């Protein structure tokens, strides 16, 4: 399935492993996907500069194939920064779990400009962004020959980034993890356009290659993405169950037990909308009227609680996942997932009638 974009990125199959921040996207996972011809993507959020360098170098030690780096570049409007919030339910939860009501401090996470400089110095030439368009570093990346991809959730966002990037990733409403919506606004205005509807509209609107993302879990979804006009498919939830992912045993159990009705889109985790599996944390936030702090303060307030819960039962942590959960039937090696995706896609392609 050698699409033009796959050839441009040095891939043999048009499959991208979604970058999943939080420790789930390991060098082993990225390298395994890249080694069998897909595109592995590191997550560059909520890590320090030294951690980023080590992630890149560790991945490079495991593969000589192309891989990329994803960055979070959220637009924070003055209205969002100043919105009223009620963090008391989350503070009480921290105290119930033996934590201080407020964290002692926030680590010095690497910013996008520094992250891009590190990535380029380390030889990374594929970059993607979520939650906004690329920043002031774009010219430097383009001068270095990097391919820059932006993730969008509407046609308007695709048009906004078209002049500055090389590839658009169209993220349907089914996708797990953070929504890449640039300016989310109130919950009743969050755009949750499904992948089937979003991808062809973005393909028609921009003169750039498009990657489809959201609810794609098997080879049928890959072929569907290509049929809609995309040149590759991006999968995240399926790779959380790869043996090489950093997902904890509790997280994996919840993924295997859940189905397509068990997820919700909420800003309670971090202050930005994200799709995850319903659990006691979301119930508590709804019951007690918690209103999240603006990004990134809500995530910083919850971080210690989330880490502790992931190590236990996952009831008080963001179990980010998409709507294709029934199709994540078991844990597998990443290479096996890739081979299965490719084999099924080829079988589907062969079965399609030739009108």
Protein backbone atom coordinates (compact mmCIF):
# COMPACT_ATOMS: atom_id res chain seq x y z
CA UNK A 1 0.00 0.00 0.00
CA UNK A 2 2.66 2.53 -1.03
CA UNK A 3 0.80 5.84 -0.90
CA UNK A 4 2.73 8.96 -1.94
CA UNK A 5 2.91 10.11 1.69
CA UNK A 6 4.18 6.71 2.84
CA UNK A 7 6.96 6.89 0.27
CA UNK A 8 7.80 10.46 1.28
CA UNK A 9 8.11 9.46 4.95
CA UNK A 10 10.12 6.32 4.15
CA UNK A 11 7.36 3.89 5.14
CA UNK A 12 6.40 0.59 3.55
CA UNK A 13 2.88 0.63 5.05
CA UNK A 14 0.70 3.73 5.57
CA UNK A 15 0.22 3.22 9.30
CA UNK A 16 1.15 5.72 12.02
CA UNK A 17 1.34 4.90 15.71
CA UNK A 18 -0.28 7.79 17.56
CA UNK A 19 1.92 9.59 20.10
CA UNK A 20 0.43 9.02 23.56
CA UNK A 21 1.87 11.18 26.33
CA UNK A 22 2.08 9.98 29.91
CA UNK A 23 4.72 7.28 29.55
CA UNK A 24 2.65 5.01 27.32
CA UNK A 25 4.68 5.64 24.16
CA UNK A 26 8.01 3.99 24.88
CA UNK A 27 11.13 3.83 22.70
CA UNK A 28 10.48 0.10 22.38
CA UNK A 29 6.99 0.70 20.98
CA UNK A 30 8.10 3.42 18.57
CA UNK A 31 11.03 1.36 17.31
CA UNK A 32 8.95 -1.78 16.88
CA UNK A 33 6.37 0.03 14.73
CA UNK A 34 9.04 1.73 12.63
CA UNK A 35 11.03 -1.47 12.18
CA UNK A 36 8.16 -3.16 10.34
CA UNK A 37 7.55 -0.24 8.01
CA UNK A 38 5.11 2.01 9.90
CA UNK A 39 5.78 5.36 11.51
CA UNK A 40 6.48 5.31 15.23
CA UNK A 41 5.91 8.62 17.01
CA UNK A 42 7.38 9.71 20.33
CA UNK A 43 5.30 11.92 22.64
CA UNK A 44 7.16 15.07 23.67
CA UNK A 45 4.72 16.36 26.31
CA UNK A 46 5.21 16.57 30.08
CA UNK A 47 8.87 15.58 30.00
CA UNK A 48 12.08 17.49 30.65
CA UNK A 49 14.65 18.39 28.02
CA UNK A 50 17.01 15.68 29.29
CA UNK A 51 14.23 13.09 29.22
CA UNK A 52 13.40 14.04 25.64
CA UNK A 53 17.02 13.62 24.53
CA UNK A 54 17.18 10.22 26.17
CA UNK A 55 13.89 9.09 24.61
CA UNK A 56 15.15 10.02 21.16
CA UNK A 57 18.54 8.41 21.70
CA UNK A 58 17.04 5.26 23.21
CA UNK A 59 14.73 4.92 20.20
CA UNK A 60 17.61 5.50 17.80
CA UNK A 61 19.56 2.72 19.48
CA UNK A 62 16.66 0.35 18.74
CA UNK A 63 15.92 1.25 15.11
CA UNK A 64 17.52 2.83 12.08
CA UNK A 65 14.10 3.45 10.51
CA UNK A 66 12.33 6.84 10.43
CA UNK A 67 10.37 7.91 13.50
CA UNK A 68 8.95 11.22 14.64
CA UNK A 69 8.16 13.46 17.61
CA UNK A 70 4.84 14.97 18.64
CA UNK A 71 4.46 18.26 20.51
CA UNK A 72 1.53 19.85 22.32
CA UNK A 73 1.15 23.50 21.29
CA UNK A 74 -2.17 24.57 22.86
CA UNK A 75 -3.67 27.95 22.13
CA UNK A 76 -4.70 29.50 25.45
CA UNK A 77 -7.08 32.40 24.92
CA UNK A 78 -7.44 35.13 27.57
CA UNK A 79 -11.04 33.96 28.08
CA UNK A 80 -9.91 30.39 28.76
CA UNK A 81 -7.14 31.49 31.11
CA UNK A 82 -9.59 33.60 33.12
CA UNK A 83 -12.55 31.20 33.23
CA UNK A 84 -14.04 30.43 36.67
CA UNK A 85 -12.97 27.11 38.14
CA UNK A 86 -13.82 24.93 41.12
CA UNK A 87 -10.82 22.71 41.85
CA UNK A 88 -12.01 21.80 45.37
CA UNK A 89 -13.31 18.29 44.46
CA UNK A 90 -9.91 17.40 43.00
CA UNK A 91 -8.10 18.87 46.00
CA UNK A 92 -10.30 16.78 48.34
CA UNK A 93 -9.53 13.69 46.28
CA UNK A 94 -5.82 14.34 46.68
CA UNK A 95 -6.24 14.57 50.43
CA UNK A 96 -8.34 11.36 50.55
CA UNK A 97 -5.46 9.57 48.85
CA UNK A 98 -2.84 10.85 51.27
CA UNK A 99 -1.56 13.75 49.17
CA UNK A 100 -1.28 17.44 50.02
CA UNK A 101 -4.14 19.52 48.66
CA UNK A 102 -1.69 21.23 46.29
CA UNK A 103 1.41 19.79 44.55
CA UNK A 104 4.76 20.97 45.85
CA UNK A 105 5.83 22.20 42.44
CA UNK A 106 5.74 21.55 38.71
CA UNK A 107 8.78 20.16 36.90
CA UNK A 108 10.39 22.27 34.20
CA UNK A 109 8.79 20.57 31.20
CA UNK A 110 10.48 21.20 27.86
CA UNK A 111 8.72 23.80 25.72
CA UNK A 112 8.03 23.43 21.99
CA UNK A 113 10.89 25.69 20.82
CA UNK A 114 13.49 23.85 22.89
CA UNK A 115 11.97 20.47 22.01
CA UNK A 116 12.22 21.18 18.29
CA UNK A 117 15.83 22.34 18.67
CA UNK A 118 16.66 19.11 20.51
CA UNK A 119 14.80 16.98 17.97
CA UNK A 120 16.53 18.56 14.98
CA UNK A 121 19.93 18.26 16.66
CA UNK A 122 19.23 14.58 17.27
CA UNK A 123 18.31 13.97 13.64
CA UNK A 124 14.50 13.89 13.90
CA UNK A 125 12.93 15.03 10.65
CA UNK A 126 9.26 14.24 11.27
CA UNK A 127 7.36 16.49 13.68
CA UNK A 128 3.67 16.68 14.54
CA UNK A 129 1.65 19.07 16.69
CA UNK A 130 -1.68 18.92 18.49
CA UNK A 131 -4.03 21.58 19.93
CA UNK A 132 -2.78 24.37 17.70
CA UNK A 133 -0.64 25.37 14.72
CA UNK A 134 3.17 25.23 14.77
CA UNK A 135 4.93 28.11 16.46
CA UNK A 136 7.95 30.30 15.77
CA UNK A 137 10.13 27.22 15.32
CA UNK A 138 8.41 26.24 12.05
CA UNK A 139 10.89 28.03 9.77
CA UNK A 140 13.83 26.34 11.48
CA UNK A 141 12.20 22.94 11.10
CA UNK A 142 11.40 23.51 7.43
CA UNK A 143 14.95 24.77 6.77
CA UNK A 144 16.25 21.53 8.27
CA UNK A 145 14.12 19.51 5.86
CA UNK A 146 11.64 18.31 8.48
CA UNK A 147 8.14 17.20 7.56
CA UNK A 148 5.68 19.02 9.84
CA UNK A 149 2.20 17.61 10.51
CA UNK A 150 -0.68 19.32 12.33
CA UNK A 151 -3.65 17.56 13.91
CA UNK A 152 -7.06 19.13 13.33
CA UNK A 153 -10.66 18.40 14.31
CA UNK A 154 -12.48 20.65 11.80
CA UNK A 155 -12.10 21.84 8.24
CA UNK A 156 -11.56 25.39 9.54
CA UNK A 157 -8.54 24.25 11.56
CA UNK A 158 -7.18 22.40 8.51
CA UNK A 159 -7.45 25.58 6.45
CA UNK A 160 -5.78 27.55 9.26
CA UNK A 161 -2.63 25.39 9.15
CA UNK A 162 -2.57 24.60 5.42
CA UNK A 163 -0.08 27.29 4.51
CA UNK A 164 2.49 26.28 7.11
CA UNK A 165 2.58 22.49 7.34
CA UNK A 166 3.21 19.54 5.06
CA UNK A 167 0.57 17.08 6.30
CA UNK A 168 -2.80 17.35 8.05
CA UNK A 169 -3.96 14.70 10.55
CA UNK A 170 -7.77 14.69 10.67
CA UNK A 171 -8.81 13.55 14.16
CA UNK A 172 -12.35 12.22 14.27
CA UNK A 173 -14.54 12.39 17.35
CA UNK A 174 -14.03 8.66 18.02
CA UNK A 175 -10.35 9.18 18.86
CA UNK A 176 -9.05 8.53 22.34
CA UNK A 177 -6.87 10.98 24.22
CA UNK A 178 -6.86 14.76 23.98
CA UNK A 179 -8.92 16.44 21.33
CA UNK A 180 -6.72 18.56 19.11
CA UNK A 181 -9.33 21.33 18.91
CA UNK A 182 -7.48 24.65 18.79
CA UNK A 183 -10.07 26.72 20.69
CA UNK A 184 -12.40 24.33 22.54
CA UNK A 185 -14.74 26.84 24.19
CA UNK A 186 -17.71 25.52 26.17
CA UNK A 187 -18.40 21.75 26.21
CA UNK A 188 -21.58 22.10 24.15
CA UNK A 189 -19.45 23.61 21.36
CA UNK A 190 -16.70 20.99 21.24
CA UNK A 191 -16.48 19.71 17.66
CA UNK A 192 -16.85 15.93 17.67
CA UNK A 193 -17.18 15.26 13.96
CA UNK A 194 -16.79 11.54 13.26
CA UNK A 195 -13.86 10.25 11.23
CA UNK A 196 -16.09 9.09 8.38
CA UNK A 197 -17.49 12.61 7.98
CA UNK A 198 -14.38 14.64 8.79
CA UNK A 199 -11.72 12.97 6.64
CA UNK A 200 -13.26 13.43 3.17
CA UNK A 201 -14.22 17.02 3.96
CA UNK A 202 -10.64 17.81 4.99
CA UNK A 203 -9.29 15.96 1.94
CA UNK A 204 -11.47 18.10 -0.31
CA UNK A 205 -10.65 21.35 1.51
CA UNK A 206 -6.83 21.29 1.53
CA UNK A 207 -4.13 20.59 -1.01
CA UNK A 208 -2.06 18.55 1.43
CA UNK A 209 -1.85 14.84 2.19
CA UNK A 210 -4.19 13.81 5.01
CA UNK A 211 -3.78 11.16 7.71
CA UNK A 212 -7.00 9.77 9.17
CA UNK A 213 -7.25 9.29 12.93
CA UNK A 214 -10.04 8.22 15.27
CA UNK A 215 -11.59 4.83 15.94
CA UNK A 216 -9.27 2.97 13.54
CA UNK A 217 -8.37 -0.35 15.13
CA UNK A 218 -7.84 -2.90 12.35
CA UNK A 219 -7.08 -3.38 8.68
CA UNK A 220 -10.67 -2.60 7.72
CA UNK A 221 -10.25 0.84 9.23
CA UNK A 222 -6.98 1.36 7.37
CA UNK A 223 -8.63 0.57 4.03
CA UNK A 224 -11.61 2.76 4.93
CA UNK A 225 -9.25 5.66 5.67
CA UNK A 226 -7.56 5.25 2.29
CA UNK A 227 -10.95 5.00 0.56
CA UNK A 228 -11.94 8.33 2.12
CA UNK A 229 -8.92 9.96 0.52
CA UNK A 230 -6.41 9.79 3.37
CA UNK A 231 -2.87 8.65 2.59
CA UNK A 232 -2.30 6.93 5.94
CA UNK A 233 -4.14 5.87 9.08
CA UNK A 234 -3.12 6.74 12.65
CA UNK A 235 -3.93 4.34 15.50
CA UNK A 236 -3.51 4.95 19.22
CA UNK A 237 -5.74 2.78 21.40
CA UNK A 238 -4.76 -0.42 19.59
CA UNK A 239 -1.10 0.24 20.41
CA UNK A 240 -1.80 0.82 24.11
CA UNK A 241 -2.21 -2.97 24.29
CA UNK A 242 1.11 -3.59 22.60
CA UNK A 243 3.47 -5.42 24.94
CA UNK A 244 6.01 -2.64 24.37
CA UNK A 245 3.70 0.17 25.50
CA UNK A 246 4.06 1.70 28.95
CA UNK A 247 0.41 1.10 29.87
CA UNK A 248 0.11 -0.31 33.39
CA UNK A 249 -1.62 -3.64 34.13
CA UNK A 250 -4.64 -1.77 35.56
CA UNK A 251 -4.91 0.36 32.42
CA UNK A 252 -4.67 -2.71 30.18
CA UNK A 253 -7.39 -4.53 32.13
CA UNK A 254 -9.75 -1.59 31.75
CA UNK A 255 -9.07 -1.40 28.01
CA UNK A 256 -9.85 -5.08 27.60
CA UNK A 257 -13.00 -4.91 29.73
CA UNK A 258 -14.52 -1.77 28.18
CA UNK A 259 -16.66 -1.42 25.07
CA UNK A 260 -17.69 1.34 22.66
CA UNK A 261 -20.28 2.77 25.09
CA UNK A 262 -17.85 3.22 27.98
CA UNK A 263 -15.96 6.35 26.96
CA UNK A 264 -16.74 10.04 27.41
CA UNK A 265 -15.17 13.31 26.33
CA UNK A 266 -14.34 15.47 29.34
CA UNK A 267 -12.08 18.34 30.36
CA UNK A 268 -11.95 17.13 33.98
CA UNK A 269 -8.56 15.45 33.54
CA UNK A 270 -6.46 18.38 32.33
CA UNK A 271 -8.68 21.33 31.48
CA UNK A 272 -8.77 20.38 27.80
CA UNK A 273 -11.29 17.93 26.26
CA UNK A 274 -10.10 14.33 26.07
CA UNK A 275 -11.82 10.99 25.50
CA UNK A 276 -11.35 8.31 28.16
CA UNK A 277 -13.06 5.40 29.88
CA UNK A 278 -15.61 6.40 32.52
CA UNK A 279 -14.48 5.67 36.07
CA UNK A 280 -14.97 6.85 39.63
CA UNK A 281 -12.94 9.99 39.00
CA UNK A 282 -15.37 11.23 36.35
CA UNK A 283 -18.35 10.27 38.54
CA UNK A 284 -16.91 12.25 41.46
CA UNK A 285 -16.22 15.33 39.34
CA UNK A 286 -19.80 15.25 38.05
CA UNK A 287 -21.34 14.67 41.48
CA UNK A 288 -19.40 17.41 43.25
CA UNK A 289 -19.51 20.03 40.53
CA UNK A 290 -15.80 20.22 39.88
CA UNK A 291 -14.94 22.80 37.23
CA UNK A 292 -11.42 22.26 35.91
CA UNK A 293 -8.65 24.78 36.11
CA UNK A 294 -7.40 26.05 32.74
CA UNK A 295 -4.73 24.05 30.92
CA UNK A 296 -2.17 23.04 32.13
CA UNK A 297 -3.03 23.69 35.79
CA UNK A 298 -5.71 21.00 36.11
CA UNK A 299 -3.35 18.29 34.90
CA UNK A 300 -0.62 19.50 37.23
CA UNK A 301 -3.05 19.41 40.18
CA UNK A 302 -4.08 15.84 39.39
CA UNK A 303 -0.76 14.39 38.27
CA UNK A 304 0.29 12.71 41.53
CA UNK A 305 -3.18 11.23 42.06
CA UNK A 306 -3.25 9.93 38.50
CA UNK A 307 0.16 8.26 38.80
CA UNK A 308 -0.81 6.51 42.02
CA UNK A 309 -4.11 5.31 40.58
CA UNK A 310 -2.54 3.94 37.40
CA UNK A 311 -0.38 1.74 39.61
CA UNK A 312 -3.48 0.42 41.42
CA UNK A 313 -6.91 0.16 39.79
CA UNK A 314 -7.15 3.14 37.45
CA UNK A 315 -10.34 4.45 39.06
CA UNK A 316 -8.88 7.90 39.73
CA UNK A 317 -6.82 8.36 36.56
CA UNK A 318 -7.43 9.42 32.94
CA UNK A 319 -7.92 6.09 31.12
CA UNK A 320 -7.65 7.68 27.70
CA UNK A 321 -9.10 5.48 24.95
CA UNK A 322 -11.11 5.67 21.74
CA UNK A 323 -14.44 4.18 20.79
CA UNK A 324 -13.14 1.09 18.98
CA UNK A 325 -12.53 -0.77 22.23
CA UNK A 326 -14.22 -4.07 21.32
CA UNK A 327 -11.64 -4.45 18.55
CA UNK A 328 -8.79 -4.39 21.09
CA UNK A 329 -9.27 -8.02 22.01
CA UNK A 330 -5.88 -8.95 23.42
CA UNK A 331 -2.33 -7.88 24.16
CA UNK A 332 0.15 -8.42 21.35
CA UNK A 333 3.67 -7.46 20.34
CA UNK A 334 3.68 -4.26 18.30
CA UNK A 335 5.18 -6.05 15.31
CA UNK A 336 2.36 -8.60 15.46
CA UNK A 337 -0.21 -5.79 15.55
CA UNK A 338 1.41 -4.23 12.49
CA UNK A 339 1.50 -7.53 10.60
CA UNK A 340 -2.14 -8.17 11.47
CA UNK A 341 -3.19 -4.69 10.38
CA UNK A 342 -1.36 -5.06 7.09
CA UNK A 343 -2.58 -8.58 6.35
CA UNK A 344 -6.21 -7.70 7.09
CA UNK A 345 -6.00 -4.52 5.02
CA UNK A 346 -4.70 -6.49 2.04
CA UNK A 347 -7.42 -9.11 2.44
CA UNK A 348 -10.09 -6.40 2.54
CA UNK A 349 -8.64 -4.71 -0.51
CA UNK A 350 -8.70 -7.97 -2.44
CA UNK A 351 -12.31 -8.67 -1.44
CA UNK A 352 -13.60 -5.29 -2.58
CA UNK A 353 -15.63 -5.59 -5.80
CA UNK A 354 -14.07 -4.05 -8.87
CA UNK A 355 -16.95 -2.13 -10.40
